[in-house]
Amino acid sequence: MALAIGALVDAATVLPIAPPRSLWWQFADRANGGNFNEEIGWPEFVQTIASIRDSLPVEERSRLGILAGDSG
């Protein structure tokens, strides 16, 4: 039982599962070096990039490269 509780607390601290900007989110974000902000919004970001790629002519898509980075 104690192991399960410990696993839940650990998961809640290292995974961004709390609602963004909630008290628990802020605690977990500080515990992880303040990088949880880099883990939200990816599905929307990827969809935006994909729609831009898909709008290009086929011959341009064959030479397309995508360079991405983070604040780290």
PDB file of N, CA and C in Angstrom:
ATOM      1  N   MET A   1       0.825  -1.191   0.000  1.00  0.00           N
ATOM      2  CA  MET A   1       0.000   0.000   0.000  1.00  0.00           C
ATOM      3  C   MET A   1       0.873   1.260   0.000  1.00  0.00           C
ATOM      4  N   ALA A   2       1.893   1.266   0.853  1.00  0.00           N
ATOM      5  CA  ALA A   2       2.787   2.428   0.926  1.00  0.00           C
ATOM      6  C   ALA A   2       3.525   2.621  -0.395  1.00  0.00           C
ATOM      7  N   LEU A   3       3.883   1.517  -1.041  1.00  0.00           N
ATOM      8  CA  LEU A   3       4.576   1.606  -2.327  1.00  0.00           C
ATOM      9  C   LEU A   3       3.663   2.243  -3.386  1.00  0.00           C
ATOM     10  N   ALA A   4       2.400   1.870  -3.397  1.00  0.00           N
ATOM     11  CA  ALA A   4       1.450   2.437  -4.355  1.00  0.00           C
ATOM     12  C   ALA A   4       1.244   3.928  -4.109  1.00  0.00           C
ATOM     13  N   ILE A   5       1.130   4.308  -2.866  1.00  0.00           N
ATOM     14  CA  ILE A   5       0.959   5.728  -2.534  1.00  0.00           C
ATOM     15  C   ILE A   5       2.196   6.512  -2.940  1.00  0.00           C
ATOM     16  N   GLY A   6       3.366   5.951  -2.661  1.00  0.00           N
ATOM     17  CA  GLY A   6       4.614   6.600  -3.057  1.00  0.00           C
ATOM     18  C   GLY A   6       4.707   6.760  -4.566  1.00  0.00           C
ATOM     19  N   ALA A   7       4.276   5.730  -5.302  1.00  0.00           N
ATOM     20  CA  ALA A   7       4.304   5.801  -6.762  1.00  0.00           C
ATOM     21  C   ALA A   7       3.359   6.880  -7.276  1.00  0.00           C
ATOM     22  N   LEU A   8       2.188   7.006  -6.674  1.00  0.00           N
ATOM     23  CA  LEU A   8       1.238   8.044  -7.091  1.00  0.00           C
ATOM     24  C   LEU A   8       1.777   9.442  -6.821  1.00  0.00           C
ATOM     25  N   VAL A   9       2.383   9.638  -5.656  1.00  0.00           N
ATOM     26  CA  VAL A   9       2.948  10.948  -5.325  1.00  0.00           C
ATOM     27  C   VAL A   9       4.099  11.271  -6.275  1.00  0.00           C
ATOM     28  N   ASP A  10       4.949  10.282  -6.537  1.00  0.00           N
ATOM     29  CA  ASP A  10       6.062  10.498  -7.473  1.00  0.00           C
ATOM     30  C   ASP A  10       5.547  10.855  -8.868  1.00  0.00           C
ATOM     31  N   ALA A  11       4.545  10.117  -9.338  1.00  0.00           N
ATOM     32  CA  ALA A  11       3.994  10.387 -10.673  1.00  0.00           C
ATOM     33  C   ALA A  11       3.390  11.781 -10.733  1.00  0.00           C
ATOM     34  N   ALA A  12       2.681  12.158  -9.683  1.00  0.00           N
ATOM     35  CA  ALA A  12       2.055  13.485  -9.662  1.00  0.00           C
ATOM     36  C   ALA A  12       3.088  14.603  -9.598  1.00  0.00           C
ATOM     37  N   THR A  13       4.289  14.276  -9.143  1.00  0.00           N
ATOM     38  CA  THR A  13       5.337  15.289  -9.045  1.00  0.00           C
ATOM     39  C   THR A  13       6.155  15.397 -10.333  1.00  0.00           C
ATOM     40  N   VAL A  14       6.385  14.282 -11.011  1.00  0.00           N
ATOM     41  CA  VAL A  14       7.264  14.324 -12.182  1.00  0.00           C
ATOM     42  C   VAL A  14       6.522  14.365 -13.516  1.00  0.00           C
ATOM     43  N   LEU A  15       5.238  14.069 -13.515  1.00  0.00           N
ATOM     44  CA  LEU A  15       4.450  14.114 -14.749  1.00  0.00           C
ATOM     45  C   LEU A  15       3.523  15.332 -14.719  1.00  0.00           C
ATOM     46  N   PRO A  16       3.363  15.995 -15.833  1.00  0.00           N
ATOM     47  CA  PRO A  16       2.488  17.181 -15.862  1.00  0.00           C
ATOM     48  C   PRO A  16       1.015  16.796 -15.959  1.00  0.00           C
ATOM     49  N   ILE A  17       0.473  16.193 -14.871  1.00  0.00           N
ATOM     50  CA  ILE A  17      -0.914  15.737 -14.897  1.00  0.00           C
ATOM     51  C   ILE A  17      -1.869  16.673 -14.181  1.00  0.00           C
ATOM     52  N   ALA A  18      -1.354  17.595 -13.402  1.00  0.00           N
ATOM     53  CA  ALA A  18      -2.213  18.562 -12.706  1.00  0.00           C
ATOM     54  C   ALA A  18      -2.663  19.629 -13.696  1.00  0.00           C
ATOM     55  N   PRO A  19      -3.814  20.245 -13.463  1.00  0.00           N
ATOM     56  CA  PRO A  19      -4.252  21.328 -14.358  1.00  0.00           C
ATOM     57  C   PRO A  19      -3.207  22.451 -14.384  1.00  0.00           C
ATOM     58  N   PRO A  20      -2.869  22.932 -15.588  1.00  0.00           N
ATOM     59  CA  PRO A  20      -1.879  24.016 -15.675  1.00  0.00           C
ATOM     60  C   PRO A  20      -2.251  25.201 -14.791  1.00  0.00           C
ATOM     61  N   ARG A  21      -1.220  25.738 -14.154  1.00  0.00           N
ATOM     62  CA  ARG A  21      -1.293  26.897 -13.260  1.00  0.00           C
ATOM     63  C   ARG A  21      -1.971  26.614 -11.923  1.00  0.00           C
ATOM     64  N   SER A  22      -2.376  25.354 -11.661  1.00  0.00           N
ATOM     65  CA  SER A  22      -2.940  25.026 -10.354  1.00  0.00           C
ATOM     66  C   SER A  22      -1.817  25.006  -9.319  1.00  0.00           C
ATOM     67  N   LEU A  23      -2.180  24.955  -8.067  1.00  0.00           N
ATOM     68  CA  LEU A  23      -1.187  24.919  -7.001  1.00  0.00           C
ATOM     69  C   LEU A  23      -0.272  23.698  -7.137  1.00  0.00           C
ATOM     70  N   TRP A  24      -0.880  22.540  -7.423  1.00  0.00           N
ATOM     71  CA  TRP A  24      -0.062  21.325  -7.570  1.00  0.00           C
ATOM     72  C   TRP A  24       0.847  21.438  -8.785  1.00  0.00           C
ATOM     73  N   TRP A  25       0.360  22.008  -9.882  1.00  0.00           N
ATOM     74  CA  TRP A  25       1.179  22.226 -11.081  1.00  0.00           C
ATOM     75  C   TRP A  25       2.394  23.073 -10.721  1.00  0.00           C
ATOM     76  N   GLN A  26       2.178  24.152  -9.993  1.00  0.00           N
ATOM     77  CA  GLN A  26       3.279  25.045  -9.621  1.00  0.00           C
ATOM     78  C   GLN A  26       4.301  24.326  -8.750  1.00  0.00           C
ATOM     79  N   PHE A  27       3.830  23.505  -7.806  1.00  0.00           N
ATOM     80  CA  PHE A  27       4.744  22.736  -6.960  1.00  0.00           C
ATOM     81  C   PHE A  27       5.562  21.757  -7.806  1.00  0.00           C
ATOM     82  N   ALA A  28       4.873  20.989  -8.665  1.00  0.00           N
ATOM     83  CA  ALA A  28       5.568  20.002  -9.493  1.00  0.00           C
ATOM     84  C   ALA A  28       6.515  20.675 -10.481  1.00  0.00           C
ATOM     85  N   ASP A  29       6.110  21.819 -10.999  1.00  0.00           N
ATOM     86  CA  ASP A  29       6.958  22.564 -11.934  1.00  0.00           C
ATOM     87  C   ASP A  29       8.256  23.000 -11.255  1.00  0.00           C
ATOM     88  N   ARG A  30       8.149  23.524 -10.044  1.00  0.00           N
ATOM     89  CA  ARG A  30       9.361  23.920  -9.306  1.00  0.00           C
ATOM     90  C   ARG A  30      10.230  22.704  -8.992  1.00  0.00           C
ATOM     91  N   ALA A  31       9.609  21.584  -8.641  1.00  0.00           N
ATOM     92  CA  ALA A  31      10.360  20.368  -8.323  1.00  0.00           C
ATOM     93  C   ALA A  31      11.103  19.826  -9.547  1.00  0.00           C
ATOM     94  N   ASN A  32      10.636  20.170 -10.737  1.00  0.00           N
ATOM     95  CA  ASN A  32      11.245  19.682 -11.981  1.00  0.00           C
ATOM     96  C   ASN A  32      12.040  20.739 -12.708  1.00  0.00           C
ATOM     97  N   GLY A  33      12.437  21.769 -12.035  1.00  0.00           N
ATOM     98  CA  GLY A  33      13.291  22.773 -12.642  1.00  0.00           C
ATOM     99  C   GLY A  33      12.557  23.790 -13.502  1.00  0.00           C
ATOM    100  N   GLY A  34      11.243  23.862 -13.385  1.00  0.00           N
ATOM    101  CA  GLY A  34      10.495  24.875 -14.105  1.00  0.00           C
ATOM    102  C   GLY A  34      10.319  24.633 -15.585  1.00  0.00           C
ATOM    103  N   ASN A  35      10.289  23.363 -16.007  1.00  0.00           N
ATOM    104  CA  ASN A  35      10.194  23.108 -17.447  1.00  0.00           C
ATOM    105  C   ASN A  35       8.880  22.474 -17.884  1.00  0.00           C
ATOM    106  N   PHE A  36       7.871  22.446 -17.031  1.00  0.00           N
ATOM    107  CA  PHE A  36       6.584  21.875 -17.438  1.00  0.00           C
ATOM    108  C   PHE A  36       5.937  22.684 -18.554  1.00  0.00           C
ATOM    109  N   ASN A  37       6.229  23.972 -18.637  1.00  0.00           N
ATOM    110  CA  ASN A  37       5.639  24.789 -19.697  1.00  0.00           C
ATOM    111  C   ASN A  37       6.020  24.278 -21.080  1.00  0.00           C
ATOM    112  N   GLU A  38       7.100  23.527 -21.180  1.00  0.00           N
ATOM    113  CA  GLU A  38       7.537  22.980 -22.466  1.00  0.00           C
ATOM    114  C   GLU A  38       6.791  21.705 -22.829  1.00  0.00           C
ATOM    115  N   GLU A  39       5.936  21.223 -21.938  1.00  0.00           N
ATOM    116  CA  GLU A  39       5.255  19.964 -22.178  1.00  0.00           C
ATOM    117  C   GLU A  39       3.780  20.141 -22.505  1.00  0.00           C
ATOM    118  N   ILE A  40       3.321  21.357 -22.669  1.00  0.00           N
ATOM    119  CA  ILE A  40       1.919  21.573 -23.031  1.00  0.00           C
ATOM    120  C   ILE A  40       1.847  22.233 -24.409  1.00  0.00           C
ATOM    121  N   GLY A  41       0.789  21.965 -25.118  1.00  0.00           N
ATOM    122  CA  GLY A  41       0.574  22.587 -26.413  1.00  0.00           C
ATOM    123  C   GLY A  41       1.172  21.865 -27.603  1.00  0.00           C
ATOM    124  N   TRP A  42       1.820  20.718 -27.396  1.00  0.00           N
ATOM    125  CA  TRP A  42       2.475  20.036 -28.510  1.00  0.00           C
ATOM    126  C   TRP A  42       1.509  19.537 -29.584  1.00  0.00           C
ATOM    127  N   PRO A  43       0.361  18.956 -29.223  1.00  0.00           N
ATOM    128  CA  PRO A  43      -0.544  18.513 -30.302  1.00  0.00           C
ATOM    129  C   PRO A  43      -0.969  19.659 -31.221  1.00  0.00           C
ATOM    130  N   GLU A  44      -1.271  20.810 -30.640  1.00  0.00           N
ATOM    131  CA  GLU A  44      -1.656  21.963 -31.443  1.00  0.00           C
ATOM    132  C   GLU A  44      -0.491  22.463 -32.286  1.00  0.00           C
ATOM    133  N   PHE A  45       0.705  22.482 -31.704  1.00  0.00           N
ATOM    134  CA  PHE A  45       1.900  22.929 -32.413  1.00  0.00           C
ATOM    135  C   PHE A  45       2.186  22.025 -33.611  1.00  0.00           C
ATOM    136  N   VAL A  46       2.117  20.723 -33.388  1.00  0.00           N
ATOM    137  CA  VAL A  46       2.377  19.761 -34.461  1.00  0.00           C
ATOM    138  C   VAL A  46       1.333  19.908 -35.568  1.00  0.00           C
ATOM    139  N   GLN A  47       0.077  20.118 -35.188  1.00  0.00           N
ATOM    140  CA  GLN A  47      -0.977  20.294 -36.189  1.00  0.00           C
ATOM    141  C   GLN A  47      -0.733  21.544 -37.028  1.00  0.00           C
ATOM    142  N   THR A  48      -0.280  22.613 -36.393  1.00  0.00           N
ATOM    143  CA  THR A  48       0.025  23.845 -37.124  1.00  0.00           C
ATOM    144  C   THR A  48       1.156  23.621 -38.124  1.00  0.00           C
ATOM    145  N   ILE A  49       2.216  22.968 -37.680  1.00  0.00           N
ATOM    146  CA  ILE A  49       3.350  22.687 -38.567  1.00  0.00           C
ATOM    147  C   ILE A  49       2.914  21.778 -39.716  1.00  0.00           C
ATOM    148  N   ALA A  50       2.106  20.759 -39.412  1.00  0.00           N
ATOM    149  CA  ALA A  50       1.644  19.841 -40.453  1.00  0.00           C
ATOM    150  C   ALA A  50       0.780  20.562 -41.488  1.00  0.00           C
ATOM    151  N   SER A  51      -0.063  21.480 -41.047  1.00  0.00           N
ATOM    152  CA  SER A  51      -0.914  22.192 -42.008  1.00  0.00           C
ATOM    153  C   SER A  51      -0.076  23.114 -42.902  1.00  0.00           C
ATOM    154  N   ILE A  52       0.977  23.705 -42.351  1.00  0.00           N
ATOM    155  CA  ILE A  52       1.880  24.527 -43.170  1.00  0.00           C
ATOM    156  C   ILE A  52       2.597  23.641 -44.184  1.00  0.00           C
ATOM    157  N   ARG A  53       3.106  22.511 -43.724  1.00  0.00           N
ATOM    158  CA  ARG A  53       3.784  21.566 -44.629  1.00  0.00           C
ATOM    159  C   ARG A  53       2.851  21.114 -45.735  1.00  0.00           C
ATOM    160  N   ASP A  54       1.627  20.762 -45.368  1.00  0.00           N
ATOM    161  CA  ASP A  54       0.669  20.256 -46.358  1.00  0.00           C
ATOM    162  C   ASP A  54       0.247  21.317 -47.368  1.00  0.00           C
ATOM    163  N   SER A  55       0.417  22.594 -47.029  1.00  0.00           N
ATOM    164  CA  SER A  55       0.034  23.660 -47.956  1.00  0.00           C
ATOM    165  C   SER A  55       1.104  23.918 -49.018  1.00  0.00           C
ATOM    166  N   LEU A  56       2.283  23.344 -48.834  1.00  0.00           N
ATOM    167  CA  LEU A  56       3.367  23.536 -49.800  1.00  0.00           C
ATOM    168  C   LEU A  56       3.184  22.632 -51.014  1.00  0.00           C
ATOM    169  N   PRO A  57       3.682  23.061 -52.165  1.00  0.00           N
ATOM    170  CA  PRO A  57       3.664  22.184 -53.333  1.00  0.00           C
ATOM    171  C   PRO A  57       4.516  20.929 -53.073  1.00  0.00           C
ATOM    172  N   VAL A  58       4.156  19.840 -53.719  1.00  0.00           N
ATOM    173  CA  VAL A  58       4.833  18.555 -53.496  1.00  0.00           C
ATOM    174  C   VAL A  58       6.341  18.665 -53.708  1.00  0.00           C
ATOM    175  N   GLU A  59       6.779  19.380 -54.750  1.00  0.00           N
ATOM    176  CA  GLU A  59       8.221  19.476 -55.019  1.00  0.00           C
ATOM    177  C   GLU A  59       8.954  20.223 -53.903  1.00  0.00           C
ATOM    178  N   GLU A  60       8.292  21.166 -53.252  1.00  0.00           N
ATOM    179  CA  GLU A  60       8.932  21.857 -52.126  1.00  0.00           C
ATOM    180  C   GLU A  60       8.939  20.988 -50.875  1.00  0.00           C
ATOM    181  N   ARG A  61       7.890  20.179 -50.684  1.00  0.00           N
ATOM    182  CA  ARG A  61       7.835  19.298 -49.512  1.00  0.00           C
ATOM    183  C   ARG A  61       8.964  18.282 -49.518  1.00  0.00           C
ATOM    184  N   SER A  62       9.412  17.868 -50.697  1.00  0.00           N
ATOM    185  CA  SER A  62      10.470  16.851 -50.768  1.00  0.00           C
ATOM    186  C   SER A  62      11.798  17.384 -50.240  1.00  0.00           C
ATOM    187  N   ARG A  63      11.966  18.716 -50.217  1.00  0.00           N
ATOM    188  CA  ARG A  63      13.213  19.318 -49.723  1.00  0.00           C
ATOM    189  C   ARG A  63      13.021  19.973 -48.358  1.00  0.00           C
ATOM    190  N   LEU A  64      11.856  19.787 -47.764  1.00  0.00           N
ATOM    191  CA  LEU A  64      11.529  20.460 -46.510  1.00  0.00           C
ATOM    192  C   LEU A  64      12.268  19.844 -45.324  1.00  0.00           C
ATOM    193  N   GLY A  65      12.780  20.695 -44.494  1.00  0.00           N
ATOM    194  CA  GLY A  65      13.359  20.268 -43.223  1.00  0.00           C
ATOM    195  C   GLY A  65      12.753  21.108 -42.115  1.00  0.00           C
ATOM    196  N   ILE A  66      12.556  20.519 -40.966  1.00  0.00           N
ATOM    197  CA  ILE A  66      11.981  21.241 -39.839  1.00  0.00           C
ATOM    198  C   ILE A  66      12.995  21.224 -38.709  1.00  0.00           C
ATOM    199  N   LEU A  67      13.384  22.396 -38.280  1.00  0.00           N
ATOM    200  CA  LEU A  67      14.325  22.542 -37.175  1.00  0.00           C
ATOM    201  C   LEU A  67      13.541  23.036 -35.964  1.00  0.00           C
ATOM    202  N   ALA A  68      13.648  22.335 -34.865  1.00  0.00           N
ATOM    203  CA  ALA A  68      12.918  22.715 -33.651  1.00  0.00           C
ATOM    204  C   ALA A  68      13.884  22.739 -32.473  1.00  0.00           C
ATOM    205  N   GLY A  69      13.552  23.508 -31.484  1.00  0.00           N
ATOM    206  CA  GLY A  69      14.356  23.579 -30.281  1.00  0.00           C
ATOM    207  C   GLY A  69      13.504  23.987 -29.101  1.00  0.00           C
ATOM    208  N   ASP A  70      14.093  23.953 -27.937  1.00  0.00           N
ATOM    209  CA  ASP A  70      13.378  24.405 -26.744  1.00  0.00           C
ATOM    210  C   ASP A  70      14.252  25.402 -25.999  1.00  0.00           C
ATOM    211  N   SER A  71      13.781  25.837 -24.866  1.00  0.00           N
ATOM    212  CA  SER A  71      14.514  26.856 -24.139  1.00  0.00           C
ATOM    213  C   SER A  71      15.762  26.313 -23.449  1.00  0.00           C
ATOM    214  N   GLY A  72      15.937  25.002 -23.494  1.00  0.00           N
ATOM    215  CA  GLY A  72      17.106  24.391 -22.858  1.00  0.00           C
ATOM    216  C   GLY A  72      18.285  24.546 -23.734  1.00  0.00           C
TER     217      GLY A  72
END
